[in-house]
Amino acid sequence: MRTELLPIVDCVGSPRARGRAHGETLRTTIADKVGRWRNAIGDAYGIPADTFLPRFLAATNFRDAIERFTPALAEEVSGIAQGAAIGEDTAYAMQLMDEEWWFGEEPRDGHCSSLAIAPTPDQPTMVAQTMDLSGWHDGAQALLRFPDRDGNETLVFTSAGMIGLMGVSTGGLGICVNTLSQLRTSRTGLPVAFVMRGALGCSDASEAVSFLRSVPHASGQNYQLGDRDGIATLECCAAGATQLTVENGRSLHTNHPLESREARPDTVSPLFSDNSRKRLESLRSDLGGDLRVTPDAVKIALSACRAGGEVSIARDPASSATTAMTIGAILYEIGDEVAVSVCAGPPSVEAWRQVTPARS
């Protein structure tokens, strides 16, 4: 998707009304995406979606955790189903992206790269990432905009039909994520999309850390947090949350755990891939040490295409729809005001656009 075509969907009212606005506004996009998703399930797992999805939902129970820890988001998903005119189970299953991957045992290297930079006297806190997903998500990118509990505004980058992938509030909290597929999973934990949105509803990074420590996690995931006062990074999985030590005011992360060793029992490969390691080296080369980190430097780091460790992945037109590409990149600058820069594709080839959310 071209960045200038990225839709911004205003979602107001009750949680169900917000979901309904999301679904109605993006109804055609969601319908097209559901078709691509169902085809991709057959390609990835070797069985049709009509067989895989009922089996997946019957073998897991994430609903109890969702209702306990994020009940408003359960209502939002129901609203998406209503607005998009799709089945409740379809809308629900669409939220379970990371959980689908490990349940289906899809071989994945994982390709999101994230960072958080602590504030300095002349620079605000910065949180940023590339969001790398299968190419069939391309064309479904969107920004959701809704008022938060304090009357400020929250912006969430998403793939149409999902409650969110990453987001920031003008109250001063930004969250980015990257998959840690090597870590322990749970068929009854809180799925990643709900963890991210639940944490984003917190007032600051400290409260979000407490939330991440308190919920049972369904999937391995790294969460980069930043507010006006500082940053925090946690590697989370079914075994709990590990808060990482932040050195030199910056946290750089890709798709292997840096501190957690709570590996899945069925993990036989190393806890890191060569690609993930090389992407981390790329981030460190551009943003590590004593280098001064500016918003432009962050954008350059997210645009890097070093061989074997491409942070920005441009789609090869000849590749299959299940091949990973960068469907978006985002940068939050969290100071007295919050500035959001978003790219609706690989930042190595696509333009950035600044979106300035309102603050009460």
Protein backbone atom coordinates (compact mmCIF):
# COMPACT_ATOMS: atom_id res chain seq x y z
CA MET A 1 0.00 0.00 0.00
CA ARG A 2 1.13 3.54 -0.71
CA THR A 3 1.35 5.57 2.48
CA GLU A 4 -0.86 8.34 1.13
CA LEU A 5 -3.63 5.76 0.69
CA LEU A 6 -3.50 4.57 4.31
CA PRO A 7 -7.03 4.96 5.70
CA ILE A 8 -7.62 6.50 9.13
CA VAL A 9 -10.77 5.15 10.73
CA ASP A 10 -12.46 7.13 13.52
CA CYS A 11 -13.87 4.74 16.11
CA VAL A 12 -16.01 6.43 18.77
CA GLY A 13 -18.61 5.44 21.30
CA SER A 14 -18.86 2.18 23.22
CA PRO A 15 -16.39 -0.64 22.53
CA ARG A 16 -18.96 -2.40 20.34
CA ALA A 17 -19.66 0.84 18.46
CA ARG A 18 -15.94 1.35 17.89
CA GLY A 19 -15.63 -2.12 16.44
CA ARG A 20 -18.72 -1.58 14.31
CA ALA A 21 -17.24 1.64 12.86
CA HIS A 22 -14.02 -0.24 12.09
CA GLY A 23 -15.90 -3.07 10.40
CA GLU A 24 -18.30 -0.87 8.43
CA THR A 25 -15.63 1.51 7.16
CA LEU A 26 -13.29 -1.29 6.07
CA ARG A 27 -15.95 -3.84 5.13
CA THR A 28 -14.76 -4.38 1.55
CA THR A 29 -11.11 -4.49 2.61
CA ILE A 30 -11.89 -7.01 5.35
CA ALA A 31 -13.86 -9.22 2.97
CA ASP A 32 -10.99 -9.26 0.50
CA LYS A 33 -8.49 -9.95 3.28
CA VAL A 34 -10.53 -12.83 4.71
CA GLY A 35 -10.44 -14.50 1.29
CA ARG A 36 -6.65 -14.12 1.07
CA TRP A 37 -6.25 -15.32 4.67
CA ARG A 38 -8.29 -18.46 4.06
CA ASN A 39 -6.24 -19.26 0.98
CA ALA A 40 -3.02 -18.66 2.93
CA ILE A 41 -4.13 -21.10 5.64
CA GLY A 42 -4.33 -23.87 3.06
CA ASP A 43 -0.90 -22.95 1.69
CA ALA A 44 0.72 -22.72 5.13
CA TYR A 45 -0.75 -25.76 6.87
CA GLY A 46 -1.70 -28.06 4.02
CA ILE A 47 -5.36 -28.27 5.03
CA PRO A 48 -8.27 -26.01 4.02
CA ALA A 49 -9.41 -23.17 6.26
CA ASP A 50 -12.79 -24.88 6.69
CA THR A 51 -10.94 -27.70 8.46
CA PHE A 52 -8.14 -25.78 10.16
CA LEU A 53 -10.09 -22.95 11.79
CA PRO A 54 -12.72 -25.08 13.60
CA ARG A 55 -9.94 -27.39 14.78
CA PHE A 56 -7.91 -24.40 16.02
CA LEU A 57 -10.82 -22.84 17.89
CA ALA A 58 -11.93 -26.15 19.42
CA ALA A 59 -8.43 -26.96 20.68
CA THR A 60 -7.87 -23.57 22.34
CA ASN A 61 -9.75 -21.38 24.80
CA PHE A 62 -8.52 -17.82 24.76
CA ARG A 63 -11.99 -16.40 25.33
CA ASP A 64 -11.96 -16.80 29.11
CA ALA A 65 -8.72 -14.80 29.44
CA ILE A 66 -10.04 -12.16 27.04
CA GLU A 67 -13.26 -11.78 29.03
CA ARG A 68 -11.36 -11.62 32.31
CA PHE A 69 -8.60 -9.17 31.41
CA THR A 70 -9.89 -7.23 28.37
CA PRO A 71 -13.70 -7.55 28.25
CA ALA A 72 -14.13 -4.29 26.34
CA LEU A 73 -11.98 -5.70 23.54
CA ALA A 74 -14.22 -8.77 23.31
CA GLU A 75 -17.07 -6.33 22.67
CA GLU A 76 -14.97 -4.52 20.07
CA VAL A 77 -14.39 -7.77 18.18
CA SER A 78 -18.14 -8.45 18.17
CA GLY A 79 -18.63 -4.96 16.76
CA ILE A 80 -16.10 -5.65 13.98
CA ALA A 81 -18.02 -8.79 13.03
CA GLN A 82 -21.29 -6.88 12.93
CA GLY A 83 -19.90 -3.93 10.98
CA ALA A 84 -18.00 -6.06 8.48
CA ALA A 85 -20.89 -8.53 8.09
CA ILE A 86 -18.71 -11.53 8.89
CA GLY A 87 -19.20 -14.36 11.37
CA GLU A 88 -18.29 -13.89 15.04
CA ASP A 89 -15.90 -16.85 14.92
CA THR A 90 -14.22 -15.43 11.83
CA ALA A 91 -13.70 -12.06 13.49
CA TYR A 92 -12.43 -13.74 16.65
CA ALA A 93 -10.03 -16.07 14.83
CA MET A 94 -8.67 -13.13 12.84
CA GLN A 95 -7.34 -11.63 16.09
CA LEU A 96 -5.29 -14.74 16.87
CA MET A 97 -2.45 -14.23 14.43
CA ASP A 98 0.53 -15.28 16.57
CA GLU A 99 -1.51 -18.05 18.15
CA GLU A 100 -2.49 -19.42 14.74
CA TRP A 101 1.18 -19.53 13.77
CA TRP A 102 2.29 -21.70 16.66
CA PHE A 103 -0.82 -23.87 16.68
CA GLY A 104 -0.41 -24.59 12.97
CA GLU A 105 3.34 -25.05 13.41
CA GLU A 106 3.95 -22.75 10.50
CA PRO A 107 7.71 -22.53 9.98
CA ARG A 108 8.46 -18.86 10.69
CA ASP A 109 11.65 -16.91 11.10
CA GLY A 110 9.74 -13.85 12.30
CA HIS A 111 10.70 -10.54 10.83
CA CYS A 112 9.66 -7.60 13.02
CA SER A 113 12.41 -5.30 14.29
CA SER A 114 11.70 -2.88 17.14
CA LEU A 115 13.39 -0.26 19.29
CA ALA A 116 12.84 2.13 22.17
CA ILE A 117 15.06 5.14 22.88
CA ALA A 118 14.98 6.88 26.27
CA PRO A 119 14.49 10.67 26.36
CA THR A 120 17.41 13.07 26.56
CA PRO A 121 17.42 16.81 27.27
CA ASP A 122 17.13 17.53 23.54
CA GLN A 123 15.17 14.51 22.28
CA PRO A 124 11.84 12.96 23.32
CA THR A 125 11.28 9.28 23.98
CA MET A 126 11.09 7.32 20.74
CA VAL A 127 9.50 3.92 20.13
CA ALA A 128 9.49 2.41 16.65
CA GLN A 129 9.40 -0.74 14.58
CA THR A 130 8.91 -2.42 11.25
CA MET A 131 5.84 -4.69 11.08
CA ASP A 132 6.64 -7.64 8.84
CA LEU A 133 3.84 -10.03 7.90
CA SER A 134 2.88 -12.28 5.03
CA GLY A 135 2.32 -10.39 1.81
CA TRP A 136 -1.40 -11.14 1.77
CA HIS A 137 -1.82 -8.46 4.47
CA ASP A 138 -0.66 -5.81 2.00
CA GLY A 139 -3.58 -3.59 1.06
CA ALA A 140 -5.28 -4.11 4.43
CA GLN A 141 -3.19 -1.60 6.41
CA ALA A 142 -5.14 0.98 8.39
CA LEU A 143 -4.91 3.37 11.32
CA LEU A 144 -7.63 3.25 13.96
CA ARG A 145 -8.23 6.48 15.89
CA PHE A 146 -10.32 6.57 19.05
CA PRO A 147 -10.58 8.48 22.34
CA ASP A 148 -8.89 6.83 25.32
CA ARG A 149 -10.11 6.69 28.90
CA ASP A 150 -8.63 10.12 29.73
CA GLY A 151 -10.19 11.85 26.75
CA ASN A 152 -6.98 11.90 24.75
CA GLU A 153 -6.58 10.16 21.41
CA THR A 154 -5.13 6.73 20.66
CA LEU A 155 -3.77 5.71 17.26
CA VAL A 156 -3.45 2.02 16.45
CA PHE A 157 -1.79 0.62 13.33
CA THR A 158 -3.55 -2.54 12.20
CA SER A 159 -4.37 -5.00 9.47
CA ALA A 160 -8.07 -4.51 8.68
CA GLY A 161 -10.34 -6.55 10.94
CA MET A 162 -7.77 -6.84 13.75
CA ILE A 163 -8.03 -4.80 16.95
CA GLY A 164 -4.43 -3.72 16.51
CA LEU A 165 -0.77 -4.48 15.92
CA MET A 166 0.94 -1.50 17.64
CA GLY A 167 -0.16 1.86 18.95
CA VAL A 168 0.34 5.09 20.88
CA SER A 169 -1.82 7.37 23.02
CA THR A 170 -1.50 11.11 23.35
CA GLY A 171 -1.66 10.46 27.07
CA GLY A 172 1.96 9.54 26.48
CA LEU A 173 2.35 5.76 26.07
CA GLY A 174 3.65 3.99 22.97
CA ILE A 175 3.92 0.24 22.37
CA CYS A 176 5.69 -1.77 19.68
CA VAL A 177 6.04 -5.55 19.47
CA ASN A 178 7.93 -8.39 17.88
CA THR A 179 7.31 -12.13 17.87
CA LEU A 180 9.40 -14.53 19.95
CA SER A 181 8.14 -17.80 18.52
CA GLN A 182 10.72 -19.85 20.40
CA LEU A 183 9.16 -19.16 23.81
CA ARG A 184 6.48 -21.08 25.70
CA THR A 185 2.87 -20.86 24.59
CA SER A 186 -0.48 -21.48 26.24
CA ARG A 187 -3.79 -22.54 24.70
CA THR A 188 -5.66 -20.62 27.41
CA GLY A 189 -3.57 -17.44 27.72
CA LEU A 190 -4.30 -13.89 26.57
CA PRO A 191 -3.52 -13.50 22.83
CA VAL A 192 -0.98 -10.94 21.66
CA ALA A 193 -3.45 -8.50 20.07
CA PHE A 194 -5.39 -8.27 23.34
CA VAL A 195 -2.22 -7.97 25.42
CA MET A 196 -1.01 -5.09 23.25
CA ARG A 197 -4.31 -3.21 23.36
CA GLY A 198 -4.76 -3.91 27.07
CA ALA A 199 -1.32 -2.49 27.82
CA LEU A 200 -1.97 0.47 25.53
CA GLY A 201 -4.98 1.34 27.65
CA CYS A 202 -2.70 1.96 30.64
CA SER A 203 -1.81 5.48 31.72
CA ASP A 204 1.98 5.12 31.51
CA ALA A 205 4.80 2.63 31.01
CA SER A 206 4.91 1.64 34.68
CA GLU A 207 1.25 0.66 34.67
CA ALA A 208 1.73 -1.15 31.36
CA VAL A 209 4.65 -3.13 32.83
CA SER A 210 2.41 -4.18 35.72
CA PHE A 211 -0.28 -5.24 33.24
CA LEU A 212 2.21 -7.30 31.23
CA ARG A 213 3.42 -8.99 34.40
CA SER A 214 -0.10 -9.76 35.60
CA VAL A 215 -1.71 -11.41 32.57
CA PRO A 216 -1.22 -15.01 31.37
CA HIS A 217 0.40 -14.86 27.94
CA ALA A 218 -0.66 -17.11 25.10
CA SER A 219 2.38 -16.43 22.91
CA GLY A 220 6.00 -15.40 23.06
CA GLN A 221 6.32 -11.69 22.33
CA ASN A 222 8.61 -8.78 23.04
CA TYR A 223 6.95 -5.52 24.10
CA GLN A 224 8.76 -2.20 23.73
CA LEU A 225 7.20 0.50 25.93
CA GLY A 226 7.87 4.21 26.13
CA ASP A 227 6.36 7.22 27.86
CA ARG A 228 7.53 10.78 28.48
CA ASP A 229 9.80 9.67 31.32
CA GLY A 230 11.49 6.58 29.94
CA ILE A 231 11.33 3.17 28.31
CA ALA A 232 10.90 -0.47 29.29
CA THR A 233 11.21 -3.76 27.42
CA LEU A 234 9.69 -7.10 28.38
CA GLU A 235 10.00 -10.56 26.85
CA CYS A 236 6.73 -12.34 27.63
CA CYS A 237 5.47 -15.88 27.20
CA ALA A 238 3.34 -18.49 28.95
CA ALA A 239 6.01 -18.84 31.62
CA GLY A 240 5.79 -15.16 32.57
CA ALA A 241 7.40 -11.80 31.79
CA THR A 242 11.09 -10.97 31.86
CA GLN A 243 12.00 -7.27 32.00
CA LEU A 244 15.22 -6.55 30.17
CA THR A 245 18.00 -4.29 31.36
CA VAL A 246 18.16 -1.19 29.17
CA GLU A 247 21.72 -0.10 28.49
CA ASN A 248 22.80 3.31 27.25
CA GLY A 249 19.19 4.47 27.07
CA ARG A 250 18.22 2.32 24.13
CA SER A 251 16.53 -1.02 23.59
CA LEU A 252 16.97 -2.79 20.25
CA HIS A 253 15.22 -6.07 19.52
CA THR A 254 14.43 -8.50 16.73
CA ASN A 255 12.98 -12.03 16.83
CA HIS A 256 15.06 -13.94 19.33
CA PRO A 257 14.99 -13.65 23.13
CA LEU A 258 17.85 -11.69 24.64
CA GLU A 259 17.28 -12.75 28.26
CA SER A 260 14.35 -15.14 28.55
CA ARG A 261 15.25 -18.82 28.24
CA GLU A 262 11.72 -20.16 28.63
CA ALA A 263 11.84 -22.12 25.39
CA ARG A 264 8.93 -24.14 24.08
CA PRO A 265 9.40 -27.84 24.91
CA ASP A 266 9.27 -28.67 21.20
CA THR A 267 11.94 -26.13 20.26
CA VAL A 268 14.88 -28.00 18.82
CA SER A 269 16.49 -25.15 16.90
CA PRO A 270 18.66 -22.44 18.49
CA LEU A 271 16.88 -19.59 20.27
CA PHE A 272 17.95 -17.26 17.48
CA SER A 273 18.02 -17.36 13.69
CA ASP A 274 20.80 -16.00 11.56
CA ASN A 275 18.40 -13.48 10.03
CA SER A 276 17.22 -12.20 13.41
CA ARG A 277 20.79 -11.90 14.65
CA LYS A 278 21.87 -9.98 11.56
CA ARG A 279 18.90 -7.59 11.83
CA LEU A 280 19.85 -6.89 15.44
CA GLU A 281 23.41 -6.22 14.30
CA SER A 282 22.01 -3.82 11.69
CA LEU A 283 20.06 -1.89 14.33
CA ARG A 284 23.11 -1.77 16.59
CA SER A 285 25.27 -0.54 13.73
CA ASP A 286 22.89 2.34 13.04
CA LEU A 287 21.72 3.18 16.57
CA GLY A 288 24.13 1.64 19.06
CA GLY A 289 27.12 2.85 21.02
CA ASP A 290 27.51 6.58 21.50
CA LEU A 291 25.72 7.53 18.30
CA ARG A 292 23.22 10.35 18.74
CA VAL A 293 19.77 9.00 18.00
CA THR A 294 17.43 11.34 16.16
CA PRO A 295 14.07 10.63 14.50
CA ASP A 296 15.80 10.71 11.11
CA ALA A 297 18.38 8.20 12.35
CA VAL A 298 15.59 5.89 13.49
CA LYS A 299 13.92 6.08 10.08
CA ILE A 300 17.22 5.31 8.37
CA ALA A 301 17.76 2.30 10.67
CA LEU A 302 14.27 0.98 9.88
CA SER A 303 15.00 1.38 6.16
CA ALA A 304 18.19 -0.68 6.23
CA CYS A 305 18.52 -3.54 3.72
CA ARG A 306 21.79 -5.21 4.68
CA ALA A 307 22.11 -8.61 3.01
CA GLY A 308 20.79 -11.44 5.15
CA GLY A 309 19.44 -9.04 7.74
CA GLU A 310 17.01 -6.75 5.96
CA VAL A 311 15.14 -4.60 8.48
CA SER A 312 12.97 -3.27 5.64
CA ILE A 313 11.69 -6.07 3.42
CA ALA A 314 10.39 -5.09 0.00
CA ARG A 315 8.04 -7.57 -1.61
CA ASP A 316 9.28 -9.51 -4.61
CA PRO A 317 6.40 -9.48 -7.13
CA ALA A 318 7.28 -13.07 -8.00
CA SER A 319 7.04 -14.29 -4.40
CA SER A 320 4.06 -16.11 -2.93
CA ALA A 321 1.43 -14.32 -0.86
CA THR A 322 2.75 -16.04 2.28
CA THR A 323 6.26 -14.60 1.91
CA ALA A 324 7.08 -11.99 4.54
CA MET A 325 7.30 -8.30 3.69
CA THR A 326 7.27 -5.06 5.66
CA ILE A 327 3.61 -4.00 5.61
CA GLY A 328 4.34 -0.92 7.70
CA ALA A 329 6.71 0.97 9.93
CA ILE A 330 5.97 3.41 12.71
CA LEU A 331 7.80 5.91 14.90
CA TYR A 332 6.35 7.56 18.00
CA GLU A 333 8.04 10.67 19.40
CA ILE A 334 6.67 11.09 22.92
CA GLY A 335 7.47 14.44 24.47
CA ASP A 336 5.27 17.33 25.58
CA GLU A 337 3.33 16.47 22.44
CA VAL A 338 3.12 13.15 20.62
CA ALA A 339 4.18 12.93 16.98
CA VAL A 340 3.53 9.83 14.90
CA SER A 341 5.30 8.98 11.66
CA VAL A 342 3.89 6.05 9.72
CA CYS A 343 4.86 4.21 6.57
CA ALA A 344 2.35 1.84 4.95
CA GLY A 345 4.98 -0.42 3.43
CA PRO A 346 8.75 -1.02 3.43
CA PRO A 347 10.39 2.28 4.47
CA SER A 348 13.25 1.52 2.11
CA VAL A 349 10.90 2.16 -0.82
CA GLU A 350 7.82 3.86 0.64
CA ALA A 351 7.33 7.40 1.99
CA TRP A 352 6.69 8.39 5.60
CA ARG A 353 3.64 10.39 6.63
CA GLN A 354 3.21 12.32 9.87
CA VAL A 355 -0.06 11.95 11.71
CA THR A 356 -0.54 14.25 14.67
CA PRO A 357 -3.17 12.95 17.11
CA ALA A 358 -5.22 15.39 19.15
CA ARG A 359 -4.68 15.81 22.87
CA SER A 360 -7.28 17.03 25.31
